[in-house]
Amino acid sequence: MKVYEVEPLKQIGDIGLGMDREEVRKTMPEEPNISGSRDHVDNYHDGGLQVFYDENNKVEFIELLRGSGFTATTHGINVFDKTAQEVLEVITKVSEYNQDDLEVGYSYVFPDLELSLWRPSIPEEGEEDGKYFSTIGIGVQGYYSATIGE
């Protein structure tokens, strides 16, 4: 199984933030699937890995989706294998998330790391739905932190 190491402010796997679109395509073993109306996004692994580009075709955001046939690790843990609570316990030792975000509970944004975690629901007692994060993403410097306090 492919393992993608998530390194905030740097890269996911071999895809670096700020990398040129053609460089990204050369590093990937498959051709990207490009969404019709979203020509600034390349999808790999059937949409399990999304690479977003700025107006200069430089990588500005990378996102991984749970259940896409690969492992995502950061700060020494498998993000999609651990519960959301376990992931938060590890990452909040490194940085705090934006507690003023209206989506907290579903979405956790760590502005100092330009990292986000998302799940579609918050689990009720004893339920599995929402127990794990569905996505992890990282952005370039200022991707999230520039909007804090606006």
C-alpha atoms as a PDB file:
ATOM      1  CA  MET A   1       0.000   0.000   0.000  1.00  0.00           C
ATOM      2  CA  LYS A   2       1.279   3.467  -0.934  1.00  0.00           C
ATOM      3  CA  VAL A   3       2.178   5.668   2.040  1.00  0.00           C
ATOM      4  CA  TYR A   4       1.941   9.446   1.746  1.00  0.00           C
ATOM      5  CA  GLU A   5       3.867  11.349   4.390  1.00  0.00           C
ATOM      6  CA  VAL A   6       2.143  14.664   5.097  1.00  0.00           C
ATOM      7  CA  GLU A   7       4.713  17.331   5.919  1.00  0.00           C
ATOM      8  CA  PRO A   8       2.914  20.604   6.713  1.00  0.00           C
ATOM      9  CA  LEU A   9       4.253  23.674   4.902  1.00  0.00           C
ATOM     10  CA  LYS A  10       6.342  21.384   2.665  1.00  0.00           C
ATOM     11  CA  GLN A  11       4.816  18.451   0.840  1.00  0.00           C
ATOM     12  CA  ILE A  12       2.720  15.314   0.700  1.00  0.00           C
ATOM     13  CA  GLY A  13       4.743  12.423  -0.643  1.00  0.00           C
ATOM     14  CA  ASP A  14       6.775  13.707  -3.585  1.00  0.00           C
ATOM     15  CA  ILE A  15       4.401  16.610  -4.294  1.00  0.00           C
ATOM     16  CA  GLY A  16       5.767  19.834  -2.904  1.00  0.00           C
ATOM     17  CA  LEU A  17       3.897  23.034  -2.214  1.00  0.00           C
ATOM     18  CA  GLY A  18       4.895  25.590  -4.832  1.00  0.00           C
ATOM     19  CA  MET A  19       5.845  22.879  -7.324  1.00  0.00           C
ATOM     20  CA  ASP A  20       5.026  23.467 -10.985  1.00  0.00           C
ATOM     21  CA  ARG A  21       2.090  21.495 -12.426  1.00  0.00           C
ATOM     22  CA  GLU A  22       4.275  19.733 -15.005  1.00  0.00           C
ATOM     23  CA  GLU A  23       6.721  18.681 -12.274  1.00  0.00           C
ATOM     24  CA  VAL A  24       3.839  17.162 -10.304  1.00  0.00           C
ATOM     25  CA  ARG A  25       2.606  15.246 -13.323  1.00  0.00           C
ATOM     26  CA  LYS A  26       6.091  13.822 -13.916  1.00  0.00           C
ATOM     27  CA  THR A  27       6.276  12.514 -10.339  1.00  0.00           C
ATOM     28  CA  MET A  28       2.941  10.700 -10.496  1.00  0.00           C
ATOM     29  CA  PRO A  29       2.678   7.163 -11.926  1.00  0.00           C
ATOM     30  CA  GLU A  30      -0.677   7.932 -13.578  1.00  0.00           C
ATOM     31  CA  GLU A  31      -2.250  10.654 -15.681  1.00  0.00           C
ATOM     32  CA  PRO A  32      -4.404  13.087 -13.708  1.00  0.00           C
ATOM     33  CA  ASN A  33      -8.157  13.150 -13.990  1.00  0.00           C
ATOM     34  CA  ILE A  34      -9.113  16.777 -14.506  1.00  0.00           C
ATOM     35  CA  SER A  35     -12.587  17.877 -13.424  1.00  0.00           C
ATOM     36  CA  GLY A  36     -14.390  19.685 -16.226  1.00  0.00           C
ATOM     37  CA  SER A  37     -15.097  22.981 -14.500  1.00  0.00           C
ATOM     38  CA  ARG A  38     -12.164  22.777 -12.112  1.00  0.00           C
ATOM     39  CA  ASP A  39      -9.163  23.049 -14.410  1.00  0.00           C
ATOM     40  CA  HIS A  40      -7.040  24.223 -11.485  1.00  0.00           C
ATOM     41  CA  VAL A  41      -7.273  20.772  -9.844  1.00  0.00           C
ATOM     42  CA  ASP A  42      -5.584  17.494 -10.769  1.00  0.00           C
ATOM     43  CA  ASN A  43      -7.092  14.308  -9.303  1.00  0.00           C
ATOM     44  CA  TYR A  44      -5.094  11.123  -8.785  1.00  0.00           C
ATOM     45  CA  HIS A  45      -6.059   7.736  -7.283  1.00  0.00           C
ATOM     46  CA  ASP A  46      -9.668   8.167  -8.476  1.00  0.00           C
ATOM     47  CA  GLY A  47      -9.924  11.500  -6.672  1.00  0.00           C
ATOM     48  CA  GLY A  48      -8.249  10.281  -3.484  1.00  0.00           C
ATOM     49  CA  LEU A  49      -5.388  12.727  -4.001  1.00  0.00           C
ATOM     50  CA  GLN A  50      -6.245  16.219  -5.164  1.00  0.00           C
ATOM     51  CA  VAL A  51      -3.680  18.835  -6.123  1.00  0.00           C
ATOM     52  CA  PHE A  52      -4.881  22.442  -6.353  1.00  0.00           C
ATOM     53  CA  TYR A  53      -2.963  25.053  -8.345  1.00  0.00           C
ATOM     54  CA  ASP A  54      -2.835  28.830  -8.191  1.00  0.00           C
ATOM     55  CA  GLU A  55      -3.110  31.149 -11.203  1.00  0.00           C
ATOM     56  CA  ASN A  56       0.567  30.479 -12.022  1.00  0.00           C
ATOM     57  CA  ASN A  57       0.072  26.676 -12.058  1.00  0.00           C
ATOM     58  CA  LYS A  58       1.999  26.249  -8.800  1.00  0.00           C
ATOM     59  CA  VAL A  59       0.747  23.868  -6.110  1.00  0.00           C
ATOM     60  CA  GLU A  60      -1.103  25.802  -3.410  1.00  0.00           C
ATOM     61  CA  PHE A  61      -3.043  23.018  -1.663  1.00  0.00           C
ATOM     62  CA  ILE A  62      -2.886  19.191  -1.518  1.00  0.00           C
ATOM     63  CA  GLU A  63      -5.608  16.980  -0.061  1.00  0.00           C
ATOM     64  CA  LEU A  64      -5.883  13.243   0.642  1.00  0.00           C
ATOM     65  CA  LEU A  65      -9.138  11.319   1.013  1.00  0.00           C
ATOM     66  CA  ARG A  66      -9.645   8.379   3.378  1.00  0.00           C
ATOM     67  CA  GLY A  67     -10.484   5.019   1.776  1.00  0.00           C
ATOM     68  CA  SER A  68      -8.549   5.676  -1.420  1.00  0.00           C
ATOM     69  CA  GLY A  69      -6.142   2.756  -1.194  1.00  0.00           C
ATOM     70  CA  PHE A  70      -3.219   4.472   0.490  1.00  0.00           C
ATOM     71  CA  THR A  71      -2.028   5.505   3.936  1.00  0.00           C
ATOM     72  CA  ALA A  72      -1.555   9.105   5.093  1.00  0.00           C
ATOM     73  CA  THR A  73       0.864   9.722   7.930  1.00  0.00           C
ATOM     74  CA  THR A  74       1.889  12.859   9.781  1.00  0.00           C
ATOM     75  CA  HIS A  75       3.619  13.469  13.094  1.00  0.00           C
ATOM     76  CA  GLY A  76       4.235   9.736  13.428  1.00  0.00           C
ATOM     77  CA  ILE A  77       0.632   8.533  13.075  1.00  0.00           C
ATOM     78  CA  ASN A  78      -1.605   7.098  10.370  1.00  0.00           C
ATOM     79  CA  VAL A  79      -4.235   9.830  10.101  1.00  0.00           C
ATOM     80  CA  PHE A  80      -6.951   7.644   8.588  1.00  0.00           C
ATOM     81  CA  ASP A  81      -6.348   4.679  10.900  1.00  0.00           C
ATOM     82  CA  LYS A  82      -6.580   6.602  14.180  1.00  0.00           C
ATOM     83  CA  THR A  83      -9.768   8.110  15.561  1.00  0.00           C
ATOM     84  CA  ALA A  84     -10.281  11.833  15.096  1.00  0.00           C
ATOM     85  CA  GLN A  85      -9.716  12.290  18.820  1.00  0.00           C
ATOM     86  CA  GLU A  86      -6.388  10.429  18.678  1.00  0.00           C
ATOM     87  CA  VAL A  87      -5.241  12.498  15.695  1.00  0.00           C
ATOM     88  CA  LEU A  88      -6.199  15.746  17.422  1.00  0.00           C
ATOM     89  CA  GLU A  89      -4.326  14.743  20.570  1.00  0.00           C
ATOM     90  CA  VAL A  90      -1.116  14.323  18.568  1.00  0.00           C
ATOM     91  CA  ILE A  91      -1.365  17.397  16.351  1.00  0.00           C
ATOM     92  CA  THR A  92      -2.487  19.775  19.118  1.00  0.00           C
ATOM     93  CA  LYS A  93       0.794  18.995  20.890  1.00  0.00           C
ATOM     94  CA  VAL A  94       2.485  20.687  17.920  1.00  0.00           C
ATOM     95  CA  SER A  95      -0.004  23.469  17.127  1.00  0.00           C
ATOM     96  CA  GLU A  96      -3.448  24.723  18.100  1.00  0.00           C
ATOM     97  CA  TYR A  97      -6.424  24.665  15.763  1.00  0.00           C
ATOM     98  CA  ASN A  98      -8.591  27.704  15.075  1.00  0.00           C
ATOM     99  CA  GLN A  99     -11.238  27.376  17.767  1.00  0.00           C
ATOM    100  CA  ASP A 100     -13.212  30.288  16.299  1.00  0.00           C
ATOM    101  CA  ASP A 101     -13.891  28.382  13.085  1.00  0.00           C
ATOM    102  CA  LEU A 102     -17.645  27.938  12.636  1.00  0.00           C
ATOM    103  CA  GLU A 103     -17.051  24.387  11.370  1.00  0.00           C
ATOM    104  CA  VAL A 104     -15.136  23.133  14.464  1.00  0.00           C
ATOM    105  CA  GLY A 105     -16.218  19.595  15.190  1.00  0.00           C
ATOM    106  CA  TYR A 106     -16.332  18.816  11.483  1.00  0.00           C
ATOM    107  CA  SER A 107     -13.292  20.780  10.383  1.00  0.00           C
ATOM    108  CA  TYR A 108     -10.074  21.499  12.258  1.00  0.00           C
ATOM    109  CA  VAL A 109      -7.753  24.093  10.778  1.00  0.00           C
ATOM    110  CA  PHE A 110      -4.241  24.534  12.172  1.00  0.00           C
ATOM    111  CA  PRO A 111      -3.162  27.953  10.825  1.00  0.00           C
ATOM    112  CA  ASP A 112       0.460  27.687  12.005  1.00  0.00           C
ATOM    113  CA  LEU A 113       0.810  24.447  10.041  1.00  0.00           C
ATOM    114  CA  GLU A 114      -1.550  25.441   7.183  1.00  0.00           C
ATOM    115  CA  LEU A 115      -3.114  22.014   7.788  1.00  0.00           C
ATOM    116  CA  SER A 116      -6.756  20.972   7.829  1.00  0.00           C
ATOM    117  CA  LEU A 117      -8.650  17.862   8.871  1.00  0.00           C
ATOM    118  CA  TRP A 118     -12.294  17.231   7.964  1.00  0.00           C
ATOM    119  CA  ARG A 119     -15.037  14.710   8.648  1.00  0.00           C
ATOM    120  CA  PRO A 120     -18.625  14.789   7.368  1.00  0.00           C
ATOM    121  CA  SER A 121     -20.290  14.266  10.726  1.00  0.00           C
ATOM    122  CA  ILE A 122     -19.704  14.274  14.461  1.00  0.00           C
ATOM    123  CA  PRO A 123     -20.254  10.833  15.948  1.00  0.00           C
ATOM    124  CA  GLU A 124     -23.023  10.222  18.417  1.00  0.00           C
ATOM    125  CA  GLU A 125     -22.205   8.027  21.399  1.00  0.00           C
ATOM    126  CA  GLY A 126     -21.281   4.551  20.160  1.00  0.00           C
ATOM    127  CA  GLU A 127     -21.561   5.415  16.446  1.00  0.00           C
ATOM    128  CA  GLU A 128     -18.822   4.883  13.881  1.00  0.00           C
ATOM    129  CA  ASP A 129     -19.923   7.575  11.420  1.00  0.00           C
ATOM    130  CA  GLY A 130     -17.654  10.587  11.885  1.00  0.00           C
ATOM    131  CA  LYS A 131     -15.297   8.764  14.226  1.00  0.00           C
ATOM    132  CA  TYR A 132     -12.431   9.137  11.726  1.00  0.00           C
ATOM    133  CA  PHE A 133     -11.283  12.066   9.633  1.00  0.00           C
ATOM    134  CA  SER A 134     -12.141  11.812   5.937  1.00  0.00           C
ATOM    135  CA  THR A 135      -9.564  14.258   4.601  1.00  0.00           C
ATOM    136  CA  ILE A 136      -6.261  15.871   5.464  1.00  0.00           C
ATOM    137  CA  GLY A 137      -4.899  18.784   3.506  1.00  0.00           C
ATOM    138  CA  ILE A 138      -2.000  21.216   3.563  1.00  0.00           C
ATOM    139  CA  GLY A 139      -1.574  24.600   1.955  1.00  0.00           C
ATOM    140  CA  VAL A 140       1.139  27.096   1.196  1.00  0.00           C
ATOM    141  CA  GLN A 141       2.090  29.727   3.783  1.00  0.00           C
ATOM    142  CA  GLY A 142      -0.932  32.014   4.162  1.00  0.00           C
ATOM    143  CA  TYR A 143      -3.462  29.506   2.799  1.00  0.00           C
ATOM    144  CA  TYR A 144      -5.357  29.410   6.102  1.00  0.00           C
ATOM    145  CA  SER A 145      -3.417  31.781   8.340  1.00  0.00           C
ATOM    146  CA  ALA A 146      -4.060  34.793   6.082  1.00  0.00           C
ATOM    147  CA  THR A 147      -7.812  34.518   6.724  1.00  0.00           C
ATOM    148  CA  ILE A 148      -7.600  34.288  10.530  1.00  0.00           C
ATOM    149  CA  GLY A 149      -8.949  37.410  12.160  1.00  0.00           C
ATOM    150  CA  GLU A 150     -10.600  38.808   9.013  1.00  0.00           C
END
